[in-house]
PDB file of N, CA and C in Angstrom:
ATOM      1  N   MET A   1     -24.473 -11.273  55.434  1.00  0.00           N
ATOM      2  CA  MET A   1     -25.593 -11.918  54.798  1.00  0.00           C
ATOM      3  C   MET A   1     -25.433 -13.425  54.977  1.00  0.00           C
ATOM      4  N   SER A   2     -26.502 -14.099  55.298  1.00  0.00           N
ATOM      5  CA  SER A   2     -26.421 -15.542  55.483  1.00  0.00           C
ATOM      6  C   SER A   2     -27.669 -16.197  54.902  1.00  0.00           C
ATOM      7  N   SER A   3     -27.579 -17.483  54.740  1.00  0.00           N
ATOM      8  CA  SER A   3     -28.687 -18.239  54.183  1.00  0.00           C
ATOM      9  C   SER A   3     -29.029 -19.379  55.126  1.00  0.00           C
ATOM     10  N   ASN A   4     -30.300 -19.694  55.196  1.00  0.00           N
ATOM     11  CA  ASN A   4     -30.732 -20.811  56.035  1.00  0.00           C
ATOM     12  C   ASN A   4     -30.582 -22.145  55.332  1.00  0.00           C
ATOM     13  N   GLU A   5     -30.424 -22.105  54.010  1.00  0.00           N
ATOM     14  CA  GLU A   5     -30.299 -23.342  53.250  1.00  0.00           C
ATOM     15  C   GLU A   5     -28.879 -23.879  53.368  1.00  0.00           C
ATOM     16  N   GLY A   6     -28.762 -25.183  53.474  1.00  0.00           N
ATOM     17  CA  GLY A   6     -27.446 -25.815  53.533  1.00  0.00           C
ATOM     18  C   GLY A   6     -26.808 -25.849  52.154  1.00  0.00           C
ATOM     19  N   LEU A   7     -25.510 -26.038  52.140  1.00  0.00           N
ATOM     20  CA  LEU A   7     -24.798 -26.124  50.874  1.00  0.00           C
ATOM     21  C   LEU A   7     -24.750 -27.564  50.413  1.00  0.00           C
ATOM     22  N   ASP A   8     -25.071 -27.790  49.158  1.00  0.00           N
ATOM     23  CA  ASP A   8     -24.982 -29.120  48.563  1.00  0.00           C
ATOM     24  C   ASP A   8     -23.787 -29.146  47.623  1.00  0.00           C
ATOM     25  N   ALA A   9     -23.160 -30.300  47.542  1.00  0.00           N
ATOM     26  CA  ALA A   9     -22.068 -30.457  46.591  1.00  0.00           C
ATOM     27  C   ALA A   9     -22.627 -30.363  45.174  1.00  0.00           C
ATOM     28  N   LEU A  10     -21.847 -29.832  44.284  1.00  0.00           N
ATOM     29  CA  LEU A  10     -22.246 -29.706  42.891  1.00  0.00           C
ATOM     30  C   LEU A  10     -22.228 -31.080  42.241  1.00  0.00           C
ATOM     31  N   ASP A  11     -23.360 -31.501  41.728  1.00  0.00           N
ATOM     32  CA  ASP A  11     -23.471 -32.766  41.014  1.00  0.00           C
ATOM     33  C   ASP A  11     -23.332 -32.451  39.523  1.00  0.00           C
ATOM     34  N   LEU A  12     -22.176 -32.797  38.950  1.00  0.00           N
ATOM     35  CA  LEU A  12     -21.907 -32.418  37.565  1.00  0.00           C
ATOM     36  C   LEU A  12     -22.883 -33.042  36.582  1.00  0.00           C
ATOM     37  N   ASP A  13     -23.360 -34.247  36.847  1.00  0.00           N
ATOM     38  CA  ASP A  13     -24.307 -34.874  35.931  1.00  0.00           C
ATOM     39  C   ASP A  13     -25.671 -34.201  35.979  1.00  0.00           C
ATOM     40  N   ARG A  14     -26.065 -33.728  37.149  1.00  0.00           N
ATOM     41  CA  ARG A  14     -27.382 -33.116  37.306  1.00  0.00           C
ATOM     42  C   ARG A  14     -27.320 -31.608  37.093  1.00  0.00           C
ATOM     43  N   ASP A  15     -26.357 -30.957  37.722  1.00  0.00           N
ATOM     44  CA  ASP A  15     -26.314 -29.497  37.743  1.00  0.00           C
ATOM     45  C   ASP A  15     -25.578 -28.878  36.562  1.00  0.00           C
ATOM     46  N   LEU A  16     -24.694 -29.631  35.952  1.00  0.00           N
ATOM     47  CA  LEU A  16     -23.921 -29.099  34.836  1.00  0.00           C
ATOM     48  C   LEU A  16     -23.773 -30.194  33.779  1.00  0.00           C
ATOM     49  N   PRO A  17     -24.884 -30.536  33.133  1.00  0.00           N
ATOM     50  CA  PRO A  17     -24.807 -31.618  32.160  1.00  0.00           C
ATOM     51  C   PRO A  17     -23.956 -31.211  30.956  1.00  0.00           C
ATOM     52  N   THR A  18     -23.206 -32.146  30.425  1.00  0.00           N
ATOM     53  CA  THR A  18     -22.380 -31.888  29.257  1.00  0.00           C
ATOM     54  C   THR A  18     -22.696 -32.916  28.188  1.00  0.00           C
ATOM     55  N   THR A  19     -22.437 -32.528  26.984  1.00  0.00           N
ATOM     56  CA  THR A  19     -22.620 -33.439  25.853  1.00  0.00           C
ATOM     57  C   THR A  19     -21.235 -33.925  25.424  1.00  0.00           C
ATOM     58  N   PRO A  20     -21.175 -34.974  24.630  1.00  0.00           N
ATOM     59  CA  PRO A  20     -19.875 -35.408  24.107  1.00  0.00           C
ATOM     60  C   PRO A  20     -19.161 -34.285  23.344  1.00  0.00           C
ATOM     61  N   ARG A  21     -19.924 -33.447  22.687  1.00  0.00           N
ATOM     62  CA  ARG A  21     -19.331 -32.317  21.949  1.00  0.00           C
ATOM     63  C   ARG A  21     -18.693 -31.316  22.915  1.00  0.00           C
ATOM     64  N   ASP A  22     -19.333 -31.087  24.075  1.00  0.00           N
ATOM     65  CA  ASP A  22     -18.756 -30.210  25.094  1.00  0.00           C
ATOM     66  C   ASP A  22     -17.419 -30.754  25.575  1.00  0.00           C
ATOM     67  N   VAL A  23     -17.391 -32.049  25.853  1.00  0.00           N
ATOM     68  CA  VAL A  23     -16.165 -32.689  26.342  1.00  0.00           C
ATOM     69  C   VAL A  23     -15.063 -32.584  25.284  1.00  0.00           C
ATOM     70  N   GLU A  24     -15.420 -32.788  24.031  1.00  0.00           N
ATOM     71  CA  GLU A  24     -14.449 -32.679  22.940  1.00  0.00           C
ATOM     72  C   GLU A  24     -13.871 -31.262  22.865  1.00  0.00           C
ATOM     73  N   ALA A  25     -14.724 -30.261  22.998  1.00  0.00           N
ATOM     74  CA  ALA A  25     -14.263 -28.873  22.948  1.00  0.00           C
ATOM     75  C   ALA A  25     -13.345 -28.557  24.126  1.00  0.00           C
ATOM     76  N   LEU A  26     -13.700 -29.032  25.310  1.00  0.00           N
ATOM     77  CA  LEU A  26     -12.857 -28.796  26.480  1.00  0.00           C
ATOM     78  C   LEU A  26     -11.495 -29.466  26.323  1.00  0.00           C
ATOM     79  N   ARG A  27     -11.486 -30.667  25.785  1.00  0.00           N
ATOM     80  CA  ARG A  27     -10.208 -31.360  25.575  1.00  0.00           C
ATOM     81  C   ARG A  27      -9.360 -30.636  24.531  1.00  0.00           C
ATOM     82  N   ALA A  28      -9.987 -30.111  23.499  1.00  0.00           N
ATOM     83  CA  ALA A  28      -9.248 -29.395  22.452  1.00  0.00           C
ATOM     84  C   ALA A  28      -8.623 -28.115  23.001  1.00  0.00           C
ATOM     85  N   CYS A  29      -9.260 -27.500  23.965  1.00  0.00           N
ATOM     86  CA  CYS A  29      -8.762 -26.242  24.532  1.00  0.00           C
ATOM     87  C   CYS A  29      -7.785 -26.453  25.683  1.00  0.00           C
ATOM     88  N   ARG A  30      -7.591 -27.669  26.099  1.00  0.00           N
ATOM     89  CA  ARG A  30      -6.776 -27.948  27.273  1.00  0.00           C
ATOM     90  C   ARG A  30      -5.356 -27.421  27.131  1.00  0.00           C
ATOM     91  N   TYR A  31      -4.773 -27.560  25.957  1.00  0.00           N
ATOM     92  CA  TYR A  31      -3.371 -27.193  25.783  1.00  0.00           C
ATOM     93  C   TYR A  31      -3.173 -25.891  25.011  1.00  0.00           C
ATOM     94  N   VAL A  32      -4.223 -25.125  24.869  1.00  0.00           N
ATOM     95  CA  VAL A  32      -4.097 -23.833  24.199  1.00  0.00           C
ATOM     96  C   VAL A  32      -3.394 -22.873  25.157  1.00  0.00           C
ATOM     97  N   PRO A  33      -2.303 -22.255  24.706  1.00  0.00           N
ATOM     98  CA  PRO A  33      -1.595 -21.348  25.614  1.00  0.00           C
ATOM     99  C   PRO A  33      -2.450 -20.126  25.952  1.00  0.00           C
ATOM    100  N   ARG A  34      -2.268 -19.622  27.153  1.00  0.00           N
ATOM    101  CA  ARG A  34      -3.002 -18.431  27.562  1.00  0.00           C
ATOM    102  C   ARG A  34      -2.409 -17.212  26.883  1.00  0.00           C
ATOM    103  N   LEU A  35      -3.261 -16.279  26.566  1.00  0.00           N
ATOM    104  CA  LEU A  35      -2.813 -15.045  25.926  1.00  0.00           C
ATOM    105  C   LEU A  35      -2.580 -13.976  26.981  1.00  0.00           C
ATOM    106  N   ASP A  36      -1.512 -13.207  26.788  1.00  0.00           N
ATOM    107  CA  ASP A  36      -1.367 -12.039  27.645  1.00  0.00           C
ATOM    108  C   ASP A  36      -2.274 -10.947  27.073  1.00  0.00           C
ATOM    109  N   PHE A  37      -2.384  -9.850  27.751  1.00  0.00           N
ATOM    110  CA  PHE A  37      -3.334  -8.807  27.370  1.00  0.00           C
ATOM    111  C   PHE A  37      -3.066  -8.275  25.973  1.00  0.00           C
ATOM    112  N   GLU A  38      -1.805  -8.026  25.644  1.00  0.00           N
ATOM    113  CA  GLU A  38      -1.462  -7.497  24.319  1.00  0.00           C
ATOM    114  C   GLU A  38      -1.828  -8.494  23.218  1.00  0.00           C
ATOM    115  N   ALA A  39      -1.534  -9.771  23.431  1.00  0.00           N
ATOM    116  CA  ALA A  39      -1.867 -10.789  22.438  1.00  0.00           C
ATOM    117  C   ALA A  39      -3.378 -10.904  22.275  1.00  0.00           C
ATOM    118  N   TYR A  40      -4.114 -10.747  23.369  1.00  0.00           N
ATOM    119  CA  TYR A  40      -5.576 -10.791  23.310  1.00  0.00           C
ATOM    120  C   TYR A  40      -6.113  -9.644  22.463  1.00  0.00           C
ATOM    121  N   LEU A  41      -5.572  -8.446  22.670  1.00  0.00           N
ATOM    122  CA  LEU A  41      -6.004  -7.293  21.881  1.00  0.00           C
ATOM    123  C   LEU A  41      -5.679  -7.487  20.397  1.00  0.00           C
ATOM    124  N   GLU A  42      -4.519  -8.061  20.105  1.00  0.00           N
ATOM    125  CA  GLU A  42      -4.159  -8.333  18.713  1.00  0.00           C
ATOM    126  C   GLU A  42      -5.121  -9.337  18.088  1.00  0.00           C
ATOM    127  N   LEU A  43      -5.510 -10.357  18.854  1.00  0.00           N
ATOM    128  CA  LEU A  43      -6.463 -11.339  18.356  1.00  0.00           C
ATOM    129  C   LEU A  43      -7.801 -10.674  18.034  1.00  0.00           C
ATOM    130  N   LEU A  44      -8.283  -9.837  18.951  1.00  0.00           N
ATOM    131  CA  LEU A  44      -9.554  -9.144  18.704  1.00  0.00           C
ATOM    132  C   LEU A  44      -9.468  -8.252  17.476  1.00  0.00           C
ATOM    133  N   GLU A  45      -8.352  -7.554  17.332  1.00  0.00           N
ATOM    134  CA  GLU A  45      -8.175  -6.660  16.187  1.00  0.00           C
ATOM    135  C   GLU A  45      -8.159  -7.454  14.886  1.00  0.00           C
ATOM    136  N   SER A  46      -7.572  -8.650  14.898  1.00  0.00           N
ATOM    137  CA  SER A  46      -7.484  -9.460  13.686  1.00  0.00           C
ATOM    138  C   SER A  46      -8.857  -9.953  13.233  1.00  0.00           C
ATOM    139  N   MET A  47      -9.814 -10.052  14.147  1.00  0.00           N
ATOM    140  CA  MET A  47     -11.153 -10.511  13.794  1.00  0.00           C
ATOM    141  C   MET A  47     -11.950  -9.445  13.060  1.00  0.00           C
ATOM    142  N   GLY A  48     -11.651  -8.204  13.303  1.00  0.00           N
ATOM    143  CA  GLY A  48     -12.396  -7.132  12.664  1.00  0.00           C
ATOM    144  C   GLY A  48     -13.782  -6.980  13.254  1.00  0.00           C
ATOM    145  N   PRO A  49     -14.458  -5.910  12.877  1.00  0.00           N
ATOM    146  CA  PRO A  49     -15.808  -5.684  13.411  1.00  0.00           C
ATOM    147  C   PRO A  49     -16.821  -6.631  12.765  1.00  0.00           C
ATOM    148  N   PRO A  50     -17.918  -6.909  13.474  1.00  0.00           N
ATOM    149  CA  PRO A  50     -18.962  -7.741  12.864  1.00  0.00           C
ATOM    150  C   PRO A  50     -19.627  -6.975  11.723  1.00  0.00           C
ATOM    151  N   PRO A  51     -20.129  -7.684  10.736  1.00  0.00           N
ATOM    152  CA  PRO A  51     -20.803  -7.011   9.614  1.00  0.00           C
ATOM    153  C   PRO A  51     -22.024  -6.222  10.098  1.00  0.00           C
ATOM    154  N   ASP A  52     -22.289  -5.101   9.415  1.00  0.00           N
ATOM    155  CA  ASP A  52     -23.418  -4.248   9.803  1.00  0.00           C
ATOM    156  C   ASP A  52     -24.745  -4.993   9.801  1.00  0.00           C
ATOM    157  N   ASP A  53     -24.959  -5.870   8.813  1.00  0.00           N
ATOM    158  CA  ASP A  53     -26.239  -6.590   8.766  1.00  0.00           C
ATOM    159  C   ASP A  53     -26.412  -7.506   9.968  1.00  0.00           C
ATOM    160  N   GLU A  54     -25.299  -8.035  10.493  1.00  0.00           N
ATOM    161  CA  GLU A  54     -25.388  -8.851  11.707  1.00  0.00           C
ATOM    162  C   GLU A  54     -25.804  -7.987  12.896  1.00  0.00           C
ATOM    163  N   LEU A  55     -25.242  -6.804  12.985  1.00  0.00           N
ATOM    164  CA  LEU A  55     -25.620  -5.893  14.068  1.00  0.00           C
ATOM    165  C   LEU A  55     -27.087  -5.474  13.952  1.00  0.00           C
ATOM    166  N   ARG A  56     -27.550  -5.266  12.748  1.00  0.00           N
ATOM    167  CA  ARG A  56     -28.945  -4.845  12.546  1.00  0.00           C
ATOM    168  C   ARG A  56     -29.926  -5.942  12.957  1.00  0.00           C
ATOM    169  N   ARG A  57     -29.520  -7.200  12.815  1.00  0.00           N
ATOM    170  CA  ARG A  57     -30.418  -8.314  13.169  1.00  0.00           C
ATOM    171  C   ARG A  57     -30.535  -8.517  14.672  1.00  0.00           C
ATOM    172  N   ARG A  58     -29.603  -8.001  15.447  1.00  0.00           N
ATOM    173  CA  ARG A  58     -29.643  -8.198  16.899  1.00  0.00           C
ATOM    174  C   ARG A  58     -30.829  -7.474  17.508  1.00  0.00           C
ATOM    175  N   LYS A  59     -31.456  -8.142  18.424  1.00  0.00           N
ATOM    176  CA  LYS A  59     -32.611  -7.558  19.124  1.00  0.00           C
ATOM    177  C   LYS A  59     -32.262  -7.379  20.591  1.00  0.00           C
ATOM    178  N   GLY A  60     -33.023  -6.523  21.237  1.00  0.00           N
ATOM    179  CA  GLY A  60     -32.832  -6.284  22.657  1.00  0.00           C
ATOM    180  C   GLY A  60     -33.369  -7.428  23.492  1.00  0.00           C
ATOM    181  N   PRO A  61     -33.284  -7.319  24.805  1.00  0.00           N
ATOM    182  CA  PRO A  61     -33.707  -8.407  25.679  1.00  0.00           C
ATOM    183  C   PRO A  61     -35.189  -8.749  25.564  1.00  0.00           C
ATOM    184  N   ARG A  62     -35.991  -7.816  25.121  1.00  0.00           N
ATOM    185  CA  ARG A  62     -37.432  -8.082  24.974  1.00  0.00           C
ATOM    186  C   ARG A  62     -37.825  -8.263  23.512  1.00  0.00           C
ATOM    187  N   GLY A  63     -36.826  -8.478  22.656  1.00  0.00           N
ATOM    188  CA  GLY A  63     -37.107  -8.675  21.246  1.00  0.00           C
ATOM    189  C   GLY A  63     -37.312  -7.385  20.484  1.00  0.00           C
ATOM    190  N   GLU A  64     -37.026  -6.249  21.100  1.00  0.00           N
ATOM    191  CA  GLU A  64     -37.223  -4.970  20.433  1.00  0.00           C
ATOM    192  C   GLU A  64     -35.915  -4.491  19.826  1.00  0.00           C
ATOM    193  N   GLU A  65     -36.017  -3.554  18.929  1.00  0.00           N
ATOM    194  CA  GLU A  65     -34.826  -2.939  18.365  1.00  0.00           C
ATOM    195  C   GLU A  65     -34.152  -2.111  19.446  1.00  0.00           C
ATOM    196  N   VAL A  66     -32.843  -2.269  19.578  1.00  0.00           N
ATOM    197  CA  VAL A  66     -32.114  -1.559  20.618  1.00  0.00           C
ATOM    198  C   VAL A  66     -31.638  -0.215  20.116  1.00  0.00           C
ATOM    199  N   PHE A  67     -31.071  -0.218  18.902  1.00  0.00           N
ATOM    200  CA  PHE A  67     -30.579   1.024  18.308  1.00  0.00           C
ATOM    201  C   PHE A  67     -30.563   0.842  16.813  1.00  0.00           C
ATOM    202  N   GLU A  68     -30.373   1.922  16.121  1.00  0.00           N
ATOM    203  CA  GLU A  68     -30.339   1.872  14.669  1.00  0.00           C
ATOM    204  C   GLU A  68     -28.901   2.061  14.219  1.00  0.00           C
ATOM    205  N   VAL A  69     -28.408   1.128  13.398  1.00  0.00           N
ATOM    206  CA  VAL A  69     -27.061   1.237  12.843  1.00  0.00           C
ATOM    207  C   VAL A  69     -27.145   2.061  11.583  1.00  0.00           C
ATOM    208  N   LEU A  70     -26.414   3.148  11.551  1.00  0.00           N
ATOM    209  CA  LEU A  70     -26.457   4.031  10.383  1.00  0.00           C
ATOM    210  C   LEU A  70     -25.480   3.619   9.318  1.00  0.00           C
TER     211      LEU A  70
END
């Protein structure tokens, strides 16, 4: 598969604009150690499931109800 369009360099100011808050978040995460798979699973388990009312408020891609939480 090929394209007739040439490749342009990514212009971060135009193509990926960031806010000062984005930069702050990226800097805060710079030194966070990476989790191995087991540590990641433990982190997810510690968060617990989302509340049922939060799940009920979620809508599908077209704004419709996706499923009913019993």
